[in-house]
């Protein structure tokens, strides 16, 4: 759902856990407590910046590129 939200240019906030940092990097805003999340949602300037970053991040993912990568992987597996 995060990538879909990013593709729509929506700001994304996520719980600050190592897995999310690894997956999303600096393309989402993180929070540790519900109060932190509330502050993130109240900061309009930060939300706009986050929305721009979201669109840019989602542009890196392309279904054609993913399909080609999968086909290459399948071919490699079949040859081994």
N, C-alpha and C. Protein backbone atom coordinates (compact mmCIF):
# COMPACT_ATOMS: atom_id res chain seq x y z
N UNK A 1 0.82 -1.19 0.00
CA UNK A 1 0.00 0.00 0.00
C UNK A 1 0.87 1.26 0.00
N UNK A 2 2.07 1.15 0.56
CA UNK A 2 2.95 2.33 0.62
C UNK A 2 3.33 2.79 -0.77
N UNK A 3 3.74 1.88 -1.62
CA UNK A 3 4.15 2.26 -2.98
C UNK A 3 2.98 2.86 -3.75
N UNK A 4 1.79 2.32 -3.57
CA UNK A 4 0.62 2.87 -4.25
C UNK A 4 0.33 4.28 -3.77
N UNK A 5 0.45 4.50 -2.47
CA UNK A 5 0.24 5.85 -1.93
C UNK A 5 1.29 6.81 -2.47
N UNK A 6 2.53 6.34 -2.54
CA UNK A 6 3.60 7.19 -3.08
C UNK A 6 3.34 7.52 -4.54
N UNK A 7 2.86 6.56 -5.31
CA UNK A 7 2.58 6.80 -6.72
C UNK A 7 1.50 7.85 -6.90
N UNK A 8 0.60 7.95 -5.92
CA UNK A 8 -0.46 8.96 -5.97
C UNK A 8 0.02 10.31 -5.43
N UNK A 9 1.26 10.35 -4.98
CA UNK A 9 1.81 11.60 -4.45
C UNK A 9 1.33 11.91 -3.05
N UNK A 10 0.92 10.89 -2.32
CA UNK A 10 0.46 11.10 -0.95
C UNK A 10 1.65 11.01 0.01
N UNK A 11 1.66 11.86 1.02
CA UNK A 11 2.71 11.73 2.02
C UNK A 11 2.50 10.46 2.82
N UNK A 12 3.56 9.78 3.16
CA UNK A 12 3.47 8.53 3.90
C UNK A 12 4.22 8.68 5.21
N UNK A 13 3.55 8.32 6.30
CA UNK A 13 4.24 8.25 7.59
C UNK A 13 4.19 6.80 8.04
N UNK A 14 5.27 6.36 8.68
CA UNK A 14 5.38 4.96 9.08
C UNK A 14 6.04 4.86 10.44
N UNK A 15 5.71 3.81 11.12
CA UNK A 15 6.33 3.53 12.42
C UNK A 15 7.85 3.40 12.23
N UNK A 16 8.60 3.96 13.13
CA UNK A 16 10.06 3.94 13.02
C UNK A 16 10.61 2.61 13.52
N UNK A 17 10.66 1.64 12.61
CA UNK A 17 11.25 0.34 12.92
C UNK A 17 12.30 0.04 11.85
N UNK A 18 13.33 -0.73 12.20
CA UNK A 18 14.43 -0.98 11.26
C UNK A 18 13.98 -1.49 9.90
N UNK A 19 12.98 -2.37 9.88
CA UNK A 19 12.53 -2.93 8.60
C UNK A 19 12.02 -1.84 7.67
N UNK A 20 11.25 -0.90 8.19
CA UNK A 20 10.72 0.17 7.34
C UNK A 20 11.84 1.09 6.86
N UNK A 21 12.79 1.37 7.74
CA UNK A 21 13.92 2.21 7.32
C UNK A 21 14.69 1.53 6.19
N UNK A 22 14.84 0.22 6.29
CA UNK A 22 15.56 -0.52 5.25
C UNK A 22 14.79 -0.50 3.93
N UNK A 23 13.50 -0.66 3.98
CA UNK A 23 12.69 -0.73 2.77
C UNK A 23 12.47 0.65 2.15
N UNK A 24 12.06 1.62 2.97
CA UNK A 24 11.63 2.92 2.44
C UNK A 24 12.68 4.01 2.51
N UNK A 25 13.76 3.77 3.25
CA UNK A 25 14.82 4.78 3.33
C UNK A 25 14.29 6.11 3.81
N UNK A 26 14.67 7.17 3.11
CA UNK A 26 14.24 8.51 3.52
C UNK A 26 13.05 9.01 2.72
N UNK A 27 12.29 8.11 2.11
CA UNK A 27 11.16 8.53 1.28
C UNK A 27 9.85 8.63 2.06
N UNK A 28 9.86 8.27 3.34
CA UNK A 28 8.68 8.42 4.19
C UNK A 28 9.08 9.14 5.47
N UNK A 29 8.10 9.67 6.18
CA UNK A 29 8.34 10.28 7.48
C UNK A 29 8.09 9.21 8.54
N UNK A 30 8.96 9.14 9.52
CA UNK A 30 8.85 8.12 10.55
C UNK A 30 8.40 8.72 11.88
N UNK A 31 7.72 7.91 12.67
CA UNK A 31 7.32 8.32 14.01
C UNK A 31 7.58 7.19 14.99
N UNK A 32 7.83 7.56 16.24
CA UNK A 32 8.05 6.57 17.29
C UNK A 32 6.85 6.46 18.22
N UNK A 33 6.19 7.58 18.45
CA UNK A 33 5.02 7.59 19.33
C UNK A 33 3.84 8.20 18.60
N UNK A 34 2.67 8.01 19.14
CA UNK A 34 1.48 8.59 18.53
C UNK A 34 1.56 10.11 18.53
N UNK A 35 2.20 10.69 19.53
CA UNK A 35 2.38 12.15 19.56
C UNK A 35 3.27 12.60 18.41
N UNK A 36 4.33 11.83 18.13
CA UNK A 36 5.19 12.15 16.98
C UNK A 36 4.39 12.08 15.69
N UNK A 37 3.55 11.07 15.56
CA UNK A 37 2.73 10.93 14.36
C UNK A 37 1.80 12.12 14.21
N UNK A 38 1.20 12.56 15.29
CA UNK A 38 0.31 13.72 15.25
C UNK A 38 1.05 14.96 14.80
N UNK A 39 2.26 15.15 15.32
CA UNK A 39 3.05 16.32 14.91
C UNK A 39 3.38 16.26 13.42
N UNK A 40 3.73 15.07 12.93
CA UNK A 40 4.03 14.91 11.50
C UNK A 40 2.83 15.30 10.65
N UNK A 41 1.65 14.89 11.09
CA UNK A 41 0.43 15.17 10.32
C UNK A 41 0.04 16.64 10.37
N UNK A 42 0.48 17.36 11.39
CA UNK A 42 0.13 18.77 11.53
C UNK A 42 1.09 19.69 10.78
N UNK A 43 2.23 19.20 10.38
CA UNK A 43 3.24 20.03 9.71
C UNK A 43 3.00 20.01 8.20
N UNK A 44 2.26 21.00 7.72
CA UNK A 44 1.86 21.03 6.31
C UNK A 44 3.06 21.11 5.37
N UNK A 45 4.05 21.89 5.72
CA UNK A 45 5.23 22.02 4.88
C UNK A 45 5.95 20.67 4.74
N UNK A 46 6.08 19.98 5.87
CA UNK A 46 6.74 18.67 5.87
C UNK A 46 5.94 17.66 5.06
N UNK A 47 4.62 17.72 5.15
CA UNK A 47 3.77 16.80 4.38
C UNK A 47 3.93 17.04 2.87
N UNK A 48 4.03 18.30 2.47
CA UNK A 48 4.23 18.60 1.04
C UNK A 48 5.58 18.08 0.56
N UNK A 49 6.61 18.27 1.38
CA UNK A 49 7.93 17.74 1.03
C UNK A 49 7.88 16.23 0.92
N UNK A 50 7.22 15.60 1.86
CA UNK A 50 7.10 14.15 1.87
C UNK A 50 6.33 13.66 0.64
N UNK A 51 5.29 14.39 0.24
CA UNK A 51 4.51 14.01 -0.94
C UNK A 51 5.37 14.06 -2.20
N UNK A 52 6.20 15.08 -2.32
CA UNK A 52 7.10 15.18 -3.47
C UNK A 52 8.09 14.04 -3.47
N UNK A 53 8.66 13.73 -2.32
CA UNK A 53 9.59 12.61 -2.21
C UNK A 53 8.90 11.30 -2.55
N UNK A 54 7.65 11.17 -2.17
CA UNK A 54 6.89 9.95 -2.45
C UNK A 54 6.75 9.73 -3.94
N UNK A 55 6.37 10.77 -4.67
CA UNK A 55 6.24 10.64 -6.13
C UNK A 55 7.57 10.27 -6.76
N UNK A 56 8.62 10.92 -6.33
CA UNK A 56 9.95 10.63 -6.88
C UNK A 56 10.36 9.19 -6.58
N UNK A 57 10.08 8.72 -5.37
CA UNK A 57 10.46 7.36 -4.99
C UNK A 57 9.69 6.33 -5.79
N UNK A 58 8.41 6.55 -5.99
CA UNK A 58 7.60 5.57 -6.72
C UNK A 58 7.97 5.52 -8.20
N UNK A 59 8.52 6.61 -8.72
CA UNK A 59 8.90 6.64 -10.14
C UNK A 59 10.04 5.67 -10.42
N UNK A 60 10.77 5.27 -9.39
CA UNK A 60 11.87 4.32 -9.57
C UNK A 60 11.39 2.91 -9.85
N UNK A 61 10.12 2.66 -9.58
CA UNK A 61 9.57 1.32 -9.78
C UNK A 61 8.74 1.30 -11.05
N UNK A 62 9.08 0.40 -11.93
CA UNK A 62 8.39 0.31 -13.21
C UNK A 62 8.04 -1.16 -13.46
N UNK A 63 6.81 -1.43 -13.81
CA UNK A 63 6.37 -2.81 -14.00
C UNK A 63 7.15 -3.49 -15.12
N UNK A 64 7.50 -2.74 -16.16
CA UNK A 64 8.26 -3.33 -17.26
C UNK A 64 9.64 -3.78 -16.78
N UNK A 65 10.31 -2.92 -16.03
CA UNK A 65 11.63 -3.28 -15.49
C UNK A 65 11.54 -4.48 -14.56
N UNK A 66 10.52 -4.50 -13.72
CA UNK A 66 10.35 -5.63 -12.81
C UNK A 66 10.09 -6.92 -13.58
N UNK A 67 9.28 -6.83 -14.63
CA UNK A 67 8.98 -8.02 -15.44
C UNK A 67 10.24 -8.55 -16.12
N UNK A 68 11.02 -7.66 -16.68
CA UNK A 68 12.27 -8.07 -17.35
C UNK A 68 13.21 -8.73 -16.34
N UNK A 69 13.31 -8.17 -15.15
CA UNK A 69 14.17 -8.76 -14.12
C UNK A 69 13.69 -10.16 -13.74
N UNK A 70 12.39 -10.34 -13.65
CA UNK A 70 11.85 -11.67 -13.32
C UNK A 70 12.14 -12.67 -14.45
N UNK A 71 11.96 -12.24 -15.67
CA UNK A 71 12.23 -13.13 -16.81
C UNK A 71 13.69 -13.55 -16.81
N UNK A 72 14.59 -12.60 -16.58
CA UNK A 72 16.02 -12.93 -16.52
C UNK A 72 16.30 -13.95 -15.42
N UNK A 73 15.71 -13.73 -14.27
CA UNK A 73 15.91 -14.65 -13.16
C UNK A 73 15.40 -16.05 -13.50
N UNK A 74 14.22 -16.13 -14.09
CA UNK A 74 13.66 -17.44 -14.47
C UNK A 74 14.56 -18.14 -15.48
N UNK A 75 15.07 -17.39 -16.44
CA UNK A 75 15.97 -17.99 -17.44
C UNK A 75 17.23 -18.52 -16.79
N UNK A 76 17.80 -17.75 -15.86
CA UNK A 76 19.00 -18.20 -15.15
C UNK A 76 18.71 -19.48 -14.36
N UNK A 77 17.58 -19.51 -13.71
CA UNK A 77 17.23 -20.69 -12.92
C UNK A 77 17.02 -21.92 -13.81
N UNK A 78 16.42 -21.72 -14.97
CA UNK A 78 16.19 -22.84 -15.88
C UNK A 78 17.49 -23.36 -16.48
N UNK A 79 18.48 -22.50 -16.64
CA UNK A 79 19.75 -22.90 -17.23
C UNK A 79 20.67 -23.59 -16.22
N UNK A 80 20.40 -23.43 -14.95
CA UNK A 80 21.29 -24.04 -13.95
C UNK A 80 20.80 -25.39 -13.48
